[in-house]
C-alpha atoms as a PDB file:
ATOM      1  CA  MET A   1     -14.810 -18.562 -24.101  1.00  0.00           C
ATOM      2  CA  ILE A   2     -12.554 -20.230 -21.529  1.00  0.00           C
ATOM      3  CA  ARG A   3      -9.297 -19.099 -21.695  1.00  0.00           C
ATOM      4  CA  THR A   4      -6.197 -21.212 -20.620  1.00  0.00           C
ATOM      5  CA  ILE A   5      -3.435 -19.784 -18.048  1.00  0.00           C
ATOM      6  CA  GLN A   6      -0.800 -21.613 -16.788  1.00  0.00           C
ATOM      7  CA  THR A   7       0.045 -21.641 -13.766  1.00  0.00           C
ATOM      8  CA  GLU A   8       3.654 -20.840 -13.951  1.00  0.00           C
ATOM      9  CA  GLU A   9       3.137 -17.981 -16.018  1.00  0.00           C
ATOM     10  CA  ILE A  10       1.390 -16.097 -12.572  1.00  0.00           C
ATOM     11  CA  THR A  11       4.661 -17.637 -10.849  1.00  0.00           C
ATOM     12  CA  ARG A  12       6.767 -16.263 -13.138  1.00  0.00           C
ATOM     13  CA  ASN A  13       5.737 -12.233 -13.005  1.00  0.00           C
ATOM     14  CA  ILE A  14       5.042 -12.933  -9.627  1.00  0.00           C
ATOM     15  CA  LYS A  15       9.175 -12.907  -8.800  1.00  0.00           C
ATOM     16  CA  GLU A  16       9.600 -10.182 -10.943  1.00  0.00           C
ATOM     17  CA  MET A  17       6.675  -7.695  -9.234  1.00  0.00           C
ATOM     18  CA  CYS A  18       8.537  -8.898  -5.944  1.00  0.00           C
ATOM     19  CA  ILE A  19      12.242  -7.952  -6.670  1.00  0.00           C
ATOM     20  CA  GLU A  20      10.910  -4.678  -9.377  1.00  0.00           C
ATOM     21  CA  ALA A  21       8.220  -3.288  -6.430  1.00  0.00           C
ATOM     22  CA  ASN A  22      11.496  -3.435  -3.977  1.00  0.00           C
ATOM     23  CA  HIS A  23      13.667  -1.860  -6.235  1.00  0.00           C
ATOM     24  CA  PHE A  24      11.786   0.790  -8.888  1.00  0.00           C
ATOM     25  CA  LEU A  25       9.213   3.185  -7.035  1.00  0.00           C
ATOM     26  CA  ALA A  26       6.269   3.112  -9.127  1.00  0.00           C
ATOM     27  CA  GLU A  27       5.844   6.214 -11.910  1.00  0.00           C
ATOM     28  CA  ASP A  28       3.023   8.607  -9.961  1.00  0.00           C
ATOM     29  CA  MET A  29       5.238   7.914  -6.390  1.00  0.00           C
ATOM     30  CA  GLU A  30       8.265   8.838  -8.232  1.00  0.00           C
ATOM     31  CA  HIS A  31       6.765  12.298  -8.795  1.00  0.00           C
ATOM     32  CA  ALA A  32       5.416  12.865  -6.025  1.00  0.00           C
ATOM     33  CA  MET A  33       8.563  12.571  -4.250  1.00  0.00           C
ATOM     34  CA  LYS A  34      10.047  15.336  -6.566  1.00  0.00           C
ATOM     35  CA  LYS A  35       6.848  17.918  -6.194  1.00  0.00           C
ATOM     36  CA  ALA A  36       7.347  17.418  -2.692  1.00  0.00           C
ATOM     37  CA  ALA A  37      10.667  17.762  -2.582  1.00  0.00           C
ATOM     38  CA  GLU A  38      10.239  21.492  -5.025  1.00  0.00           C
ATOM     39  CA  GLU A  39       6.827  22.539  -2.370  1.00  0.00           C
ATOM     40  CA  GLU A  40       8.655  21.654   1.202  1.00  0.00           C
ATOM     41  CA  LYS A  41       8.719  25.075   3.127  1.00  0.00           C
ATOM     42  CA  SER A  42      11.360  23.848   5.568  1.00  0.00           C
ATOM     43  CA  GLU A  43      14.986  23.691   4.734  1.00  0.00           C
ATOM     44  CA  LEU A  44      15.275  20.069   7.116  1.00  0.00           C
ATOM     45  CA  GLY A  45      12.269  19.311   5.628  1.00  0.00           C
ATOM     46  CA  LYS A  46      13.771  19.989   1.889  1.00  0.00           C
ATOM     47  CA  LYS A  47      17.261  18.479   2.152  1.00  0.00           C
ATOM     48  CA  ILE A  48      15.436  15.051   3.776  1.00  0.00           C
ATOM     49  CA  LEU A  49      13.807  14.741   0.801  1.00  0.00           C
ATOM     50  CA  LEU A  50      16.202  15.493  -1.538  1.00  0.00           C
ATOM     51  CA  GLN A  51      18.365  12.765   0.619  1.00  0.00           C
ATOM     52  CA  LEU A  52      15.259  10.061   0.425  1.00  0.00           C
ATOM     53  CA  GLN A  53      15.569  10.786  -3.649  1.00  0.00           C
ATOM     54  CA  GLU A  54      19.177  10.511  -3.274  1.00  0.00           C
ATOM     55  CA  ASN A  55      18.444   6.611  -2.028  1.00  0.00           C
ATOM     56  CA  LEU A  56      15.986   5.839  -4.721  1.00  0.00           C
ATOM     57  CA  LYS A  57      18.528   6.626  -7.028  1.00  0.00           C
ATOM     58  CA  ILE A  58      21.252   4.408  -5.982  1.00  0.00           C
ATOM     59  CA  ALA A  59      18.906   1.587  -5.206  1.00  0.00           C
ATOM     60  CA  GLY A  60      17.625   1.613  -8.902  1.00  0.00           C
ATOM     61  CA  GLU A  61      21.186   2.137  -9.874  1.00  0.00           C
ATOM     62  CA  GLU A  62      22.855  -0.581  -8.174  1.00  0.00           C
ATOM     63  CA  MET A  63      20.115  -2.964  -7.318  1.00  0.00           C
ATOM     64  CA  ILE A  64      19.613  -2.105  -3.648  1.00  0.00           C
ATOM     65  CA  PRO A  65      16.755  -2.764  -1.810  1.00  0.00           C
ATOM     66  CA  ILE A  66      14.888   0.681  -1.411  1.00  0.00           C
ATOM     67  CA  CYS A  67      13.758   0.028   1.916  1.00  0.00           C
ATOM     68  CA  GLN A  68      16.005  -2.418   4.340  1.00  0.00           C
ATOM     69  CA  ASP A  69      12.024  -3.939   5.339  1.00  0.00           C
ATOM     70  CA  THR A  70      10.958  -5.095   1.652  1.00  0.00           C
ATOM     71  CA  GLY A  71       7.557  -6.044   3.382  1.00  0.00           C
ATOM     72  CA  MET A  72       5.144  -8.670   3.516  1.00  0.00           C
ATOM     73  CA  ALA A  73       3.351  -9.625   0.286  1.00  0.00           C
ATOM     74  CA  VAL A  74       0.336  -8.339  -0.141  1.00  0.00           C
ATOM     75  CA  PHE A  75      -1.742  -9.333  -3.911  1.00  0.00           C
ATOM     76  CA  PHE A  76      -5.138  -8.658  -5.650  1.00  0.00           C
ATOM     77  CA  VAL A  77      -5.984 -10.841  -7.568  1.00  0.00           C
ATOM     78  CA  GLU A  78      -8.618  -9.933  -9.736  1.00  0.00           C
ATOM     79  CA  ILE A  79      -9.581 -13.009 -12.006  1.00  0.00           C
ATOM     80  CA  GLY A  80     -11.591 -12.565 -14.811  1.00  0.00           C
ATOM     81  CA  GLN A  81     -14.362 -15.577 -15.126  1.00  0.00           C
ATOM     82  CA  ASP A  82     -13.776 -17.047 -18.134  1.00  0.00           C
ATOM     83  CA  VAL A  83     -10.390 -17.672 -17.117  1.00  0.00           C
ATOM     84  CA  HIS A  84      -9.460 -21.709 -16.646  1.00  0.00           C
ATOM     85  CA  PHE A  85      -6.052 -21.921 -14.332  1.00  0.00           C
ATOM     86  CA  GLU A  86      -3.925 -25.452 -15.691  1.00  0.00           C
ATOM     87  CA  GLY A  87      -1.260 -26.352 -13.288  1.00  0.00           C
ATOM     88  CA  GLN A  88      -0.189 -26.177  -9.547  1.00  0.00           C
ATOM     89  CA  TRP A  89      -2.595 -24.603  -7.479  1.00  0.00           C
ATOM     90  CA  LEU A  90      -3.193 -20.834  -8.357  1.00  0.00           C
ATOM     91  CA  GLU A  91      -2.127 -20.031  -4.423  1.00  0.00           C
ATOM     92  CA  ASP A  92       0.538 -22.421  -4.156  1.00  0.00           C
ATOM     93  CA  ALA A  93       1.597 -20.707  -7.661  1.00  0.00           C
ATOM     94  CA  ILE A  94       1.956 -17.520  -6.167  1.00  0.00           C
ATOM     95  CA  ASN A  95       3.607 -18.570  -3.189  1.00  0.00           C
ATOM     96  CA  GLU A  96       6.419 -19.820  -5.310  1.00  0.00           C
ATOM     97  CA  GLY A  97       6.650 -16.756  -7.156  1.00  0.00           C
ATOM     98  CA  VAL A  98       7.378 -14.616  -3.659  1.00  0.00           C
ATOM     99  CA  ARG A  99       9.357 -17.230  -2.729  1.00  0.00           C
ATOM    100  CA  GLN A 100      11.009 -17.283  -5.994  1.00  0.00           C
ATOM    101  CA  GLY A 101      11.595 -13.315  -5.680  1.00  0.00           C
ATOM    102  CA  TYR A 102      12.440 -13.457  -2.497  1.00  0.00           C
ATOM    103  CA  THR A 103      15.596 -15.112  -2.702  1.00  0.00           C
ATOM    104  CA  GLU A 104      16.655 -14.571  -5.934  1.00  0.00           C
ATOM    105  CA  GLY A 105      16.578 -10.836  -5.238  1.00  0.00           C
ATOM    106  CA  TYR A 106      18.214 -11.198  -2.365  1.00  0.00           C
ATOM    107  CA  LEU A 107      15.351  -9.945  -0.277  1.00  0.00           C
ATOM    108  CA  ARG A 108      14.833 -10.013   3.528  1.00  0.00           C
ATOM    109  CA  LYS A 109      12.565 -12.375   4.795  1.00  0.00           C
ATOM    110  CA  SER A 110      10.551 -11.109   7.443  1.00  0.00           C
ATOM    111  CA  VAL A 111       7.620 -13.611   7.874  1.00  0.00           C
ATOM    112  CA  VAL A 112       7.200 -15.952  10.857  1.00  0.00           C
ATOM    113  CA  ALA A 113       5.438 -18.784  10.191  1.00  0.00           C
ATOM    114  CA  ASP A 114       3.520 -18.211  13.998  1.00  0.00           C
ATOM    115  CA  PRO A 115       2.841 -15.143  15.264  1.00  0.00           C
ATOM    116  CA  ILE A 116       3.803 -16.794  18.724  1.00  0.00           C
ATOM    117  CA  LEU A 117       6.151 -19.135  17.746  1.00  0.00           C
ATOM    118  CA  ARG A 118       7.616 -16.302  15.663  1.00  0.00           C
ATOM    119  CA  GLU A 119       9.793 -18.903  13.500  1.00  0.00           C
ATOM    120  CA  ASN A 120      10.693 -17.636  10.437  1.00  0.00           C
ATOM    121  CA  THR A 121      10.024 -19.404   7.238  1.00  0.00           C
ATOM    122  CA  LYS A 122      12.929 -18.119   5.459  1.00  0.00           C
ATOM    123  CA  ASP A 123      12.083 -17.317   2.133  1.00  0.00           C
ATOM    124  CA  ASN A 124       8.847 -14.461   2.952  1.00  0.00           C
ATOM    125  CA  THR A 125       5.959 -16.436   2.312  1.00  0.00           C
ATOM    126  CA  PRO A 126       3.324 -16.717   3.277  1.00  0.00           C
ATOM    127  CA  ALA A 127       1.637 -13.813   1.372  1.00  0.00           C
ATOM    128  CA  ILE A 128      -1.451 -12.286   2.258  1.00  0.00           C
ATOM    129  CA  ILE A 129      -3.940 -12.598  -0.643  1.00  0.00           C
ATOM    130  CA  HIS A 130      -6.977 -10.875  -1.908  1.00  0.00           C
ATOM    131  CA  TYR A 131      -9.026 -12.696  -4.668  1.00  0.00           C
ATOM    132  CA  SER A 132     -11.860 -11.261  -6.634  1.00  0.00           C
ATOM    133  CA  ILE A 133     -13.774 -12.398  -9.623  1.00  0.00           C
ATOM    134  CA  VAL A 134     -14.437 -10.003 -12.671  1.00  0.00           C
ATOM    135  CA  PRO A 135     -16.180 -10.158 -15.711  1.00  0.00           C
ATOM    136  CA  GLY A 136     -13.664 -10.792 -18.856  1.00  0.00           C
ATOM    137  CA  ASP A 137     -10.656 -13.368 -19.768  1.00  0.00           C
ATOM    138  CA  LYS A 138      -7.870 -11.562 -18.029  1.00  0.00           C
ATOM    139  CA  VAL A 139      -5.941 -11.821 -14.412  1.00  0.00           C
ATOM    140  CA  THR A 140      -5.225  -8.173 -13.164  1.00  0.00           C
ATOM    141  CA  ILE A 141      -2.054  -8.567 -10.253  1.00  0.00           C
ATOM    142  CA  THR A 142      -1.749  -5.573  -7.603  1.00  0.00           C
ATOM    143  CA  PHE A 143       1.167  -6.245  -5.552  1.00  0.00           C
ATOM    144  CA  ALA A 144       1.792  -4.142  -2.400  1.00  0.00           C
ATOM    145  CA  PRO A 145       4.876  -5.085  -0.316  1.00  0.00           C
ATOM    146  CA  LYS A 146       4.015  -3.717   3.157  1.00  0.00           C
ATOM    147  CA  GLY A 147       6.628  -2.697   5.120  1.00  0.00           C
ATOM    148  CA  PHE A 148       5.918  -2.754   9.259  1.00  0.00           C
ATOM    149  CA  GLY A 149       6.659   0.633  10.408  1.00  0.00           C
ATOM    150  CA  SER A 150       3.866   1.900   8.880  1.00  0.00           C
ATOM    151  CA  GLU A 151       1.393  -1.046   9.726  1.00  0.00           C
ATOM    152  CA  ASN A 152       2.418  -0.928  12.440  1.00  0.00           C
ATOM    153  CA  MET A 153       1.064   2.477  12.820  1.00  0.00           C
ATOM    154  CA  SER A 154      -2.696   1.788  11.068  1.00  0.00           C
ATOM    155  CA  ARG A 155      -6.018   1.969  12.357  1.00  0.00           C
ATOM    156  CA  ILE A 156      -9.886   0.778  13.062  1.00  0.00           C
ATOM    157  CA  PHE A 157     -12.566   3.184  14.349  1.00  0.00           C
ATOM    158  CA  MET A 158     -16.084   1.344  14.226  1.00  0.00           C
ATOM    159  CA  LEU A 159     -17.416   4.946  14.814  1.00  0.00           C
ATOM    160  CA  LYS A 160     -21.663   6.232  15.175  1.00  0.00           C
ATOM    161  CA  PRO A 161     -23.557   6.772  12.206  1.00  0.00           C
ATOM    162  CA  ALA A 162     -23.228   9.756  14.127  1.00  0.00           C
ATOM    163  CA  ASP A 163     -20.176  10.813  13.688  1.00  0.00           C
ATOM    164  CA  GLY A 164     -21.096  11.186  10.153  1.00  0.00           C
ATOM    165  CA  ILE A 165     -17.812  12.815   8.134  1.00  0.00           C
ATOM    166  CA  ASP A 166     -16.399  14.703  10.911  1.00  0.00           C
ATOM    167  CA  GLY A 167     -16.159  11.758  12.709  1.00  0.00           C
ATOM    168  CA  VAL A 168     -14.740   9.824   9.596  1.00  0.00           C
ATOM    169  CA  LYS A 169     -11.982  13.449   9.543  1.00  0.00           C
ATOM    170  CA  ASN A 170     -11.073  12.976  12.998  1.00  0.00           C
ATOM    171  CA  ALA A 171     -10.516   9.414  12.667  1.00  0.00           C
ATOM    172  CA  ILE A 172      -8.434  10.233   9.831  1.00  0.00           C
ATOM    173  CA  LEU A 173      -5.894  13.163  11.776  1.00  0.00           C
ATOM    174  CA  THR A 174      -5.963  11.148  14.937  1.00  0.00           C
ATOM    175  CA  ALA A 175      -4.636   8.098  13.169  1.00  0.00           C
ATOM    176  CA  VAL A 176      -2.213  10.333  11.641  1.00  0.00           C
ATOM    177  CA  LYS A 177      -0.976  12.427  14.560  1.00  0.00           C
ATOM    178  CA  ASP A 178      -0.813   8.884  16.599  1.00  0.00           C
ATOM    179  CA  ALA A 179       1.999   7.503  13.715  1.00  0.00           C
ATOM    180  CA  GLY A 180       3.571  10.423  13.938  1.00  0.00           C
ATOM    181  CA  PRO A 181       7.519  10.555  12.922  1.00  0.00           C
ATOM    182  CA  ASN A 182       7.157   6.016  13.465  1.00  0.00           C
ATOM    183  CA  ALA A 183       5.735   4.811   9.997  1.00  0.00           C
ATOM    184  CA  CYS A 184       8.388   6.477   8.403  1.00  0.00           C
ATOM    185  CA  PRO A 185       6.376   9.979   6.567  1.00  0.00           C
ATOM    186  CA  PRO A 186       6.018  11.423   4.209  1.00  0.00           C
ATOM    187  CA  MET A 187       3.533   8.753   4.319  1.00  0.00           C
ATOM    188  CA  VAL A 188       0.587   7.965   1.708  1.00  0.00           C
ATOM    189  CA  VAL A 189      -2.708   7.882   3.673  1.00  0.00           C
ATOM    190  CA  GLY A 190      -5.339   4.998   2.787  1.00  0.00           C
ATOM    191  CA  VAL A 191      -8.454   4.832   3.859  1.00  0.00           C
ATOM    192  CA  GLY A 192     -11.604   2.593   4.016  1.00  0.00           C
ATOM    193  CA  VAL A 193     -14.959   3.950   4.899  1.00  0.00           C
ATOM    194  CA  GLY A 194     -18.378   1.564   5.592  1.00  0.00           C
ATOM    195  CA  GLY A 195     -18.622  -2.137   4.592  1.00  0.00           C
ATOM    196  CA  THR A 196     -17.954  -4.113   8.211  1.00  0.00           C
ATOM    197  CA  PHE A 197     -14.610  -4.530  10.326  1.00  0.00           C
ATOM    198  CA  GLU A 198     -12.821  -6.831   8.117  1.00  0.00           C
ATOM    199  CA  LYS A 199     -14.317  -4.932   4.383  1.00  0.00           C
ATOM    200  CA  CYS A 200     -12.877  -1.323   5.625  1.00  0.00           C
ATOM    201  CA  ALA A 201      -9.220  -2.531   6.281  1.00  0.00           C
ATOM    202  CA  VAL A 202      -9.408  -4.413   3.074  1.00  0.00           C
ATOM    203  CA  LEU A 203     -10.688  -1.398   1.405  1.00  0.00           C
ATOM    204  CA  ALA A 204      -7.854   0.983   3.032  1.00  0.00           C
ATOM    205  CA  LYS A 205      -5.134  -1.160   2.015  1.00  0.00           C
ATOM    206  CA  LYS A 206      -6.409  -0.960  -1.763  1.00  0.00           C
ATOM    207  CA  ALA A 207      -6.918   2.492  -1.931  1.00  0.00           C
ATOM    208  CA  LEU A 208      -2.613   2.582  -1.383  1.00  0.00           C
ATOM    209  CA  THR A 209      -2.025   0.749  -4.115  1.00  0.00           C
ATOM    210  CA  ARG A 210      -4.381   3.809  -6.447  1.00  0.00           C
ATOM    211  CA  PRO A 211      -1.691   6.062  -7.633  1.00  0.00           C
ATOM    212  CA  VAL A 212      -1.084   9.463  -5.667  1.00  0.00           C
ATOM    213  CA  ASN A 213      -2.514  11.562  -8.848  1.00  0.00           C
ATOM    214  CA  GLU A 214      -5.533  10.210  -8.844  1.00  0.00           C
ATOM    215  CA  HIS A 215      -8.400  11.094  -7.060  1.00  0.00           C
ATOM    216  CA  SER A 216     -11.866   9.164  -6.098  1.00  0.00           C
ATOM    217  CA  LYS A 217     -14.680   9.590  -8.885  1.00  0.00           C
ATOM    218  CA  ILE A 218     -16.919  10.011  -6.120  1.00  0.00           C
ATOM    219  CA  PRO A 219     -17.241  13.875  -5.543  1.00  0.00           C
ATOM    220  CA  TYR A 220     -17.460  14.250  -1.876  1.00  0.00           C
ATOM    221  CA  VAL A 221     -15.391  11.832  -1.402  1.00  0.00           C
ATOM    222  CA  ALA A 222     -12.236  13.311  -3.974  1.00  0.00           C
ATOM    223  CA  ASP A 223     -13.359  16.958  -2.048  1.00  0.00           C
ATOM    224  CA  LEU A 224     -12.641  14.936   1.597  1.00  0.00           C
ATOM    225  CA  GLU A 225      -8.788  14.014   0.135  1.00  0.00           C
ATOM    226  CA  LYS A 226      -8.271  16.883  -0.923  1.00  0.00           C
ATOM    227  CA  GLU A 227      -9.106  17.970   2.266  1.00  0.00           C
ATOM    228  CA  MET A 228      -7.842  15.925   4.507  1.00  0.00           C
ATOM    229  CA  LEU A 229      -4.451  16.329   2.515  1.00  0.00           C
ATOM    230  CA  GLU A 230      -4.009  19.552   3.613  1.00  0.00           C
ATOM    231  CA  LYS A 231      -5.421  19.142   7.136  1.00  0.00           C
ATOM    232  CA  ILE A 232      -2.589  16.519   7.227  1.00  0.00           C
ATOM    233  CA  ASN A 233       0.343  18.955   6.051  1.00  0.00           C
ATOM    234  CA  LYS A 234      -0.270  21.659   8.861  1.00  0.00           C
ATOM    235  CA  LEU A 235       0.414  19.151  11.534  1.00  0.00           C
ATOM    236  CA  GLY A 236       3.996  19.896  10.975  1.00  0.00           C
ATOM    237  CA  ILE A 237       5.521  16.037  11.489  1.00  0.00           C
ATOM    238  CA  GLY A 238       6.993  16.885   8.546  1.00  0.00           C
ATOM    239  CA  PRO A 239       9.721  14.610   6.351  1.00  0.00           C
ATOM    240  CA  GLY A 240      11.416  11.992   8.335  1.00  0.00           C
ATOM    241  CA  GLY A 241       8.884  13.509  11.544  1.00  0.00           C
ATOM    242  CA  LEU A 242      11.474  16.534  11.969  1.00  0.00           C
ATOM    243  CA  GLY A 243       9.342  19.239  10.744  1.00  0.00           C
ATOM    244  CA  GLY A 244       7.988  20.419   7.067  1.00  0.00           C
ATOM    245  CA  THR A 245       5.305  21.161   5.150  1.00  0.00           C
ATOM    246  CA  THR A 246       5.479  17.723   3.873  1.00  0.00           C
ATOM    247  CA  THR A 247       4.028  15.196   6.135  1.00  0.00           C
ATOM    248  CA  ALA A 248       1.394  13.140   3.824  1.00  0.00           C
ATOM    249  CA  LEU A 249       2.034  12.916  -0.164  1.00  0.00           C
ATOM    250  CA  ALA A 250      -1.738  11.414  -0.653  1.00  0.00           C
ATOM    251  CA  VAL A 251      -4.687  10.611   0.528  1.00  0.00           C
ATOM    252  CA  ASN A 252      -6.672   7.861  -0.733  1.00  0.00           C
ATOM    253  CA  ILE A 253     -10.090   7.087   0.419  1.00  0.00           C
ATOM    254  CA  ASN A 254     -12.010   4.243  -0.963  1.00  0.00           C
ATOM    255  CA  THR A 255     -16.428   3.443   0.153  1.00  0.00           C
ATOM    256  CA  TYR A 256     -18.234   1.040   0.368  1.00  0.00           C
ATOM    257  CA  PRO A 257     -21.840   0.655   1.466  1.00  0.00           C
ATOM    258  CA  THR A 258     -22.201  -0.234   5.415  1.00  0.00           C
ATOM    259  CA  HIS A 259     -24.985  -1.046   8.032  1.00  0.00           C
ATOM    260  CA  ILE A 260     -27.481   1.040   9.056  1.00  0.00           C
ATOM    261  CA  ALA A 261     -26.223   0.958  12.903  1.00  0.00           C
ATOM    262  CA  GLY A 262     -22.305   1.489  11.962  1.00  0.00           C
ATOM    263  CA  LEU A 263     -19.473   3.336  10.093  1.00  0.00           C
ATOM    264  CA  PRO A 264     -16.233   1.492   9.915  1.00  0.00           C
ATOM    265  CA  VAL A 265     -13.391   3.229   9.160  1.00  0.00           C
ATOM    266  CA  ALA A 266      -9.939   1.862   8.446  1.00  0.00           C
ATOM    267  CA  VAL A 267      -6.642   3.855   8.403  1.00  0.00           C
ATOM    268  CA  ASN A 268      -4.081   1.779   7.020  1.00  0.00           C
ATOM    269  CA  ILE A 269      -0.419   3.749   6.575  1.00  0.00           C
ATOM    270  CA  CYS A 270       2.151   2.983   4.048  1.00  0.00           C
ATOM    271  CA  CYS A 271       5.181   4.796   4.570  1.00  0.00           C
ATOM    272  CA  HIS A 272       6.867   7.573   1.939  1.00  0.00           C
ATOM    273  CA  VAL A 273       8.096   4.037  -0.799  1.00  0.00           C
ATOM    274  CA  ASN A 274       4.739   3.500  -0.801  1.00  0.00           C
ATOM    275  CA  ARG A 275       6.060   0.412  -2.963  1.00  0.00           C
ATOM    276  CA  HIS A 276       3.137  -1.302  -5.984  1.00  0.00           C
ATOM    277  CA  ALA A 277       3.256  -3.197  -9.191  1.00  0.00           C
ATOM    278  CA  VAL A 278       0.578  -3.983 -11.347  1.00  0.00           C
ATOM    279  CA  ARG A 279       0.471  -6.458 -14.695  1.00  0.00           C
ATOM    280  CA  THR A 280      -2.544  -7.781 -16.366  1.00  0.00           C
ATOM    281  CA  ILE A 281      -2.073 -11.427 -17.614  1.00  0.00           C
END
């Protein structure tokens, strides 16, 4: 049975998600921030974490964006194979939702139409959209506005198979050390291992949208996530980069099959707000 979805419904949901994610921290991140403030050993670090929480409270109460960099709109759109769209072309409908959300929500317009000529599009379009076809008759949209303070600190490493898991660990630590205070810590570290040059980057980006209190279902990957979080938090970068025991709130790792000759690793770092929202239509 084919289910018909009007693309204007997609536009409406996208608009609401753009405003919601930029004003309210996701529940998993809110919990992680509170836990970090309780456990931080440095007095200065604890003070910064409490100030960040105060900022989040004000943002929600006064409908002010939780960060002035309201990001480039990134979407993961899972489309059930039994869905038929009617109305505007889906990609136009998504971008229209971004235009409405960023314009009506008074969110900063951060997108330029050409990477060299750099003329602002004035409505934060176009979005970055990753589509996948899945079983069923629903559409699940995951929205992750990505600020570029942390995005600029992200890295791809094309490792050799002989580098193994130790090479992966070293790549993650190298990326975090190089990021230092520039990624607005405490950060969330998304990691993609496997696939190809571009696939590992998408894996890392998608990893950032996984709730920070959920580990990988693959036992060795879950162990790696815990180990790397511990090692990162021993670097001493701390909240705001001013020292402390909370440099990262979570390390989320996704893996994918790869070629016999390669071991691609992407590290996509996100700042302490790590905005994301999910809706199923």
